[in-house]
Amino acid sequence: MKQEQIDRINELYRKSKAEGLTEKEKKEQDLLRKQFVADVKKNLTAQLNNIDMVNADGTVENLGEKYGNKSGLS
């Protein structure tokens, strides 16, 4: 997500607290929030899929490979 989009989310939040939002702005805010959450989930999944664990016997096991590189978090 681009910094401009994050700034817009914050701007809409501040406006909602100060004076309220129009229906169009509420829809925009909802869409931007959903995009933000989807991006956070995508990044977290990528990080978790790149974790390597060293087992007691010294072997290295990649968690992404072990659990099938599942896409998306539920």
C-alpha atoms as a PDB file:
ATOM      1  CA  MET A   1       0.000   0.000   0.000  1.00  0.00           C
ATOM      2  CA  LYS A   2       1.333   3.404  -0.941  1.00  0.00           C
ATOM      3  CA  GLN A   3       1.989   6.076   1.655  1.00  0.00           C
ATOM      4  CA  GLU A   4      -0.590   8.328  -0.025  1.00  0.00           C
ATOM      5  CA  GLN A   5      -3.267   5.714   0.618  1.00  0.00           C
ATOM      6  CA  ILE A   6      -2.274   5.381   4.273  1.00  0.00           C
ATOM      7  CA  ASP A   7      -2.340   9.168   4.608  1.00  0.00           C
ATOM      8  CA  ARG A   8      -5.823   9.187   3.070  1.00  0.00           C
ATOM      9  CA  ILE A   9      -7.038   6.557   5.580  1.00  0.00           C
ATOM     10  CA  ASN A  10      -5.770   8.752   8.410  1.00  0.00           C
ATOM     11  CA  GLU A  11      -7.277  11.883   6.871  1.00  0.00           C
ATOM     12  CA  LEU A  12     -10.685  10.228   6.559  1.00  0.00           C
ATOM     13  CA  TYR A  13     -10.458   8.981  10.138  1.00  0.00           C
ATOM     14  CA  ARG A  14      -9.721  12.458  11.465  1.00  0.00           C
ATOM     15  CA  LYS A  15     -12.545  13.941   9.399  1.00  0.00           C
ATOM     16  CA  SER A  16     -14.980  11.278  10.622  1.00  0.00           C
ATOM     17  CA  LYS A  17     -14.231  12.244  14.232  1.00  0.00           C
ATOM     18  CA  ALA A  18     -14.364  15.984  13.584  1.00  0.00           C
ATOM     19  CA  GLU A  19     -17.366  16.441  11.304  1.00  0.00           C
ATOM     20  CA  GLY A  20     -18.487  13.124   9.848  1.00  0.00           C
ATOM     21  CA  LEU A  21     -18.139  11.597   6.403  1.00  0.00           C
ATOM     22  CA  THR A  22     -20.318  11.612   3.317  1.00  0.00           C
ATOM     23  CA  GLU A  23     -21.531   8.266   1.968  1.00  0.00           C
ATOM     24  CA  LYS A  24     -18.917   8.428  -0.790  1.00  0.00           C
ATOM     25  CA  GLU A  25     -16.151   9.029   1.765  1.00  0.00           C
ATOM     26  CA  LYS A  26     -17.414   6.170   3.961  1.00  0.00           C
ATOM     27  CA  LYS A  27     -17.213   3.797   0.990  1.00  0.00           C
ATOM     28  CA  GLU A  28     -13.712   5.046   0.147  1.00  0.00           C
ATOM     29  CA  GLN A  29     -12.624   4.596   3.767  1.00  0.00           C
ATOM     30  CA  ASP A  30     -14.026   1.057   3.861  1.00  0.00           C
ATOM     31  CA  LEU A  31     -12.270   0.112   0.621  1.00  0.00           C
ATOM     32  CA  LEU A  32      -8.928   1.560   1.771  1.00  0.00           C
ATOM     33  CA  ARG A  33      -9.177  -0.244   5.105  1.00  0.00           C
ATOM     34  CA  LYS A  34      -9.903  -3.565   3.392  1.00  0.00           C
ATOM     35  CA  GLN A  35      -6.899  -3.076   1.096  1.00  0.00           C
ATOM     36  CA  PHE A  36      -4.709  -2.254   4.096  1.00  0.00           C
ATOM     37  CA  VAL A  37      -5.799  -5.374   6.003  1.00  0.00           C
ATOM     38  CA  ALA A  38      -5.266  -7.558   2.917  1.00  0.00           C
ATOM     39  CA  ASP A  39      -1.745  -6.146   2.502  1.00  0.00           C
ATOM     40  CA  VAL A  40      -0.909  -6.775   6.171  1.00  0.00           C
ATOM     41  CA  LYS A  41      -2.133 -10.383   5.894  1.00  0.00           C
ATOM     42  CA  LYS A  42      -0.131 -10.908   2.696  1.00  0.00           C
ATOM     43  CA  ASN A  43       3.055  -9.568   4.289  1.00  0.00           C
ATOM     44  CA  LEU A  44       2.586 -11.600   7.464  1.00  0.00           C
ATOM     45  CA  THR A  45       1.996 -14.778   5.469  1.00  0.00           C
ATOM     46  CA  ALA A  46       5.170 -14.173   3.457  1.00  0.00           C
ATOM     47  CA  GLN A  47       7.170 -13.652   6.647  1.00  0.00           C
ATOM     48  CA  LEU A  48       5.772 -16.779   8.294  1.00  0.00           C
ATOM     49  CA  ASN A  49       6.470 -18.858   5.191  1.00  0.00           C
ATOM     50  CA  ASN A  50      10.140 -17.864   5.373  1.00  0.00           C
ATOM     51  CA  ILE A  51      10.794 -19.022   8.937  1.00  0.00           C
ATOM     52  CA  ASP A  52      13.313 -21.825   9.318  1.00  0.00           C
ATOM     53  CA  MET A  53      13.370 -23.946  12.474  1.00  0.00           C
ATOM     54  CA  VAL A  54      16.336 -25.981  13.618  1.00  0.00           C
ATOM     55  CA  ASN A  55      15.155 -29.301  15.033  1.00  0.00           C
ATOM     56  CA  ALA A  56      16.763 -31.098  17.974  1.00  0.00           C
ATOM     57  CA  ASP A  57      18.600 -33.411  15.563  1.00  0.00           C
ATOM     58  CA  GLY A  58      20.160 -30.415  13.771  1.00  0.00           C
ATOM     59  CA  THR A  59      18.025 -30.517  10.634  1.00  0.00           C
ATOM     60  CA  VAL A  60      16.591 -27.280   9.314  1.00  0.00           C
ATOM     61  CA  GLU A  61      12.891 -27.211   8.472  1.00  0.00           C
ATOM     62  CA  ASN A  62      11.183 -24.405   6.555  1.00  0.00           C
ATOM     63  CA  LEU A  63       7.722 -23.761   7.979  1.00  0.00           C
ATOM     64  CA  GLY A  64       6.389 -22.520   4.648  1.00  0.00           C
ATOM     65  CA  GLU A  65       7.297 -25.814   3.022  1.00  0.00           C
ATOM     66  CA  LYS A  66       6.065 -27.857   5.989  1.00  0.00           C
ATOM     67  CA  TYR A  67       2.655 -26.231   6.063  1.00  0.00           C
ATOM     68  CA  GLY A  68       2.212 -25.913   2.321  1.00  0.00           C
ATOM     69  CA  ASN A  69       2.783 -22.170   1.732  1.00  0.00           C
ATOM     70  CA  LYS A  70      -0.864 -21.539   2.445  1.00  0.00           C
ATOM     71  CA  SER A  71      -2.023 -18.255   0.931  1.00  0.00           C
ATOM     72  CA  GLY A  72      -3.990 -15.849   3.076  1.00  0.00           C
ATOM     73  CA  LEU A  73      -4.743 -15.960   6.774  1.00  0.00           C
ATOM     74  CA  SER A  74      -8.200 -16.683   8.073  1.00  0.00           C
END
